[in-house]
Amino acid sequence: MQKHIAVEINKLMMEFSKKLNDSLILVQDGGEPDDFAKYREEVSKLMTIMYLDIMKPIHLCYPDLEPQGLKN
């Protein structure tokens, strides 16, 4: 993948992650505890797939794109 494309995808994945986190707060603040637990589990699956299948390969190819908090 060309770096300029990787940069844009990385940026989008970070935006999507933030939106998913925001949705968790929305459900936590306004929903039932059981609803939040179920929703959090599903969001966790999405974020895991986004990281392992999309972001991690980009970061392996372009380490400079990996956020400090994710570096080993």
C-alpha atoms as a PDB file:
ATOM      1  CA  MET A   1       0.000   0.000   0.000  1.00  0.00           C
ATOM      2  CA  GLN A   2       1.293   3.442  -0.854  1.00  0.00           C
ATOM      3  CA  LYS A   3       2.071   5.610   2.141  1.00  0.00           C
ATOM      4  CA  HIS A   4      -0.354   8.422   1.289  1.00  0.00           C
ATOM      5  CA  ILE A   5      -3.187   5.876   1.230  1.00  0.00           C
ATOM      6  CA  ALA A   6      -1.988   4.298   4.480  1.00  0.00           C
ATOM      7  CA  VAL A   7      -1.952   7.744   6.100  1.00  0.00           C
ATOM      8  CA  GLU A   8      -5.569   8.383   5.109  1.00  0.00           C
ATOM      9  CA  ILE A   9      -6.761   4.925   6.183  1.00  0.00           C
ATOM     10  CA  ASN A  10      -4.932   5.261   9.487  1.00  0.00           C
ATOM     11  CA  LYS A  11      -6.583   8.637  10.052  1.00  0.00           C
ATOM     12  CA  LEU A  12     -10.022   7.225   9.241  1.00  0.00           C
ATOM     13  CA  MET A  13      -9.533   4.240  11.555  1.00  0.00           C
ATOM     14  CA  MET A  14      -8.614   6.606  14.396  1.00  0.00           C
ATOM     15  CA  GLU A  15     -11.765   8.651  13.693  1.00  0.00           C
ATOM     16  CA  PHE A  16     -13.897   5.490  13.625  1.00  0.00           C
ATOM     17  CA  SER A  17     -12.355   4.348  16.908  1.00  0.00           C
ATOM     18  CA  LYS A  18     -13.229   7.668  18.519  1.00  0.00           C
ATOM     19  CA  LYS A  19     -16.800   7.459  17.232  1.00  0.00           C
ATOM     20  CA  LEU A  20     -17.133   3.927  18.590  1.00  0.00           C
ATOM     21  CA  ASN A  21     -15.806   5.101  21.963  1.00  0.00           C
ATOM     22  CA  ASP A  22     -18.286   7.986  21.906  1.00  0.00           C
ATOM     23  CA  SER A  23     -21.103   5.541  21.195  1.00  0.00           C
ATOM     24  CA  LEU A  24     -20.039   3.465  24.203  1.00  0.00           C
ATOM     25  CA  ILE A  25     -20.341   6.515  26.438  1.00  0.00           C
ATOM     26  CA  LEU A  26     -23.774   7.266  24.984  1.00  0.00           C
ATOM     27  CA  VAL A  27     -25.044   3.758  25.722  1.00  0.00           C
ATOM     28  CA  GLN A  28     -23.399   3.694  29.147  1.00  0.00           C
ATOM     29  CA  ASP A  29     -24.896   7.037  30.172  1.00  0.00           C
ATOM     30  CA  GLY A  30     -28.367   6.459  28.789  1.00  0.00           C
ATOM     31  CA  GLY A  31     -28.996   2.759  28.789  1.00  0.00           C
ATOM     32  CA  GLU A  32     -29.421  -0.228  31.001  1.00  0.00           C
ATOM     33  CA  PRO A  33     -26.313  -1.962  32.381  1.00  0.00           C
ATOM     34  CA  ASP A  34     -27.129  -5.144  30.446  1.00  0.00           C
ATOM     35  CA  ASP A  35     -27.481  -3.165  27.226  1.00  0.00           C
ATOM     36  CA  PHE A  36     -24.120  -1.522  27.815  1.00  0.00           C
ATOM     37  CA  ALA A  37     -22.383  -4.833  28.525  1.00  0.00           C
ATOM     38  CA  LYS A  38     -23.725  -6.365  25.308  1.00  0.00           C
ATOM     39  CA  TYR A  39     -22.963  -3.264  23.268  1.00  0.00           C
ATOM     40  CA  ARG A  40     -19.442  -2.991  24.682  1.00  0.00           C
ATOM     41  CA  GLU A  41     -18.779  -6.610  23.725  1.00  0.00           C
ATOM     42  CA  GLU A  42     -19.818  -5.980  20.116  1.00  0.00           C
ATOM     43  CA  VAL A  43     -17.860  -2.731  19.865  1.00  0.00           C
ATOM     44  CA  SER A  44     -14.840  -4.557  21.245  1.00  0.00           C
ATOM     45  CA  LYS A  45     -15.096  -7.070  18.406  1.00  0.00           C
ATOM     46  CA  LEU A  46     -15.195  -4.276  15.832  1.00  0.00           C
ATOM     47  CA  MET A  47     -12.236  -2.458  17.345  1.00  0.00           C
ATOM     48  CA  THR A  48     -10.205  -5.655  17.544  1.00  0.00           C
ATOM     49  CA  ILE A  49     -10.827  -6.388  13.870  1.00  0.00           C
ATOM     50  CA  MET A  50     -10.034  -2.790  12.912  1.00  0.00           C
ATOM     51  CA  TYR A  51      -6.759  -2.930  14.805  1.00  0.00           C
ATOM     52  CA  LEU A  52      -5.519  -6.423  13.945  1.00  0.00           C
ATOM     53  CA  ASP A  53      -6.689  -6.598  10.338  1.00  0.00           C
ATOM     54  CA  ILE A  54      -6.328  -2.989   9.195  1.00  0.00           C
ATOM     55  CA  MET A  55      -4.224  -0.814  11.478  1.00  0.00           C
ATOM     56  CA  LYS A  56      -1.529  -3.250  12.617  1.00  0.00           C
ATOM     57  CA  PRO A  57      -0.486  -4.188   9.046  1.00  0.00           C
ATOM     58  CA  ILE A  58      -0.226  -0.482   8.225  1.00  0.00           C
ATOM     59  CA  HIS A  59       1.857   0.147  11.347  1.00  0.00           C
ATOM     60  CA  LEU A  60       4.157  -2.753  10.522  1.00  0.00           C
ATOM     61  CA  CYS A  61       4.763  -1.290   7.083  1.00  0.00           C
ATOM     62  CA  TYR A  62       4.926   2.332   8.285  1.00  0.00           C
ATOM     63  CA  PRO A  63       5.965   2.371  11.963  1.00  0.00           C
ATOM     64  CA  ASP A  64       5.899   6.167  12.040  1.00  0.00           C
ATOM     65  CA  LEU A  65       2.090   6.036  11.699  1.00  0.00           C
ATOM     66  CA  GLU A  66       1.633   3.996  14.876  1.00  0.00           C
ATOM     67  CA  PRO A  67       0.414   6.143  17.795  1.00  0.00           C
ATOM     68  CA  GLN A  68       2.744   6.267  20.808  1.00  0.00           C
ATOM     69  CA  GLY A  69       0.160   4.555  23.021  1.00  0.00           C
ATOM     70  CA  LEU A  70       0.102   1.483  20.779  1.00  0.00           C
ATOM     71  CA  LYS A  71       3.843   1.003  20.440  1.00  0.00           C
ATOM     72  CA  ASN A  72       5.372  -1.943  22.296  1.00  0.00           C
END
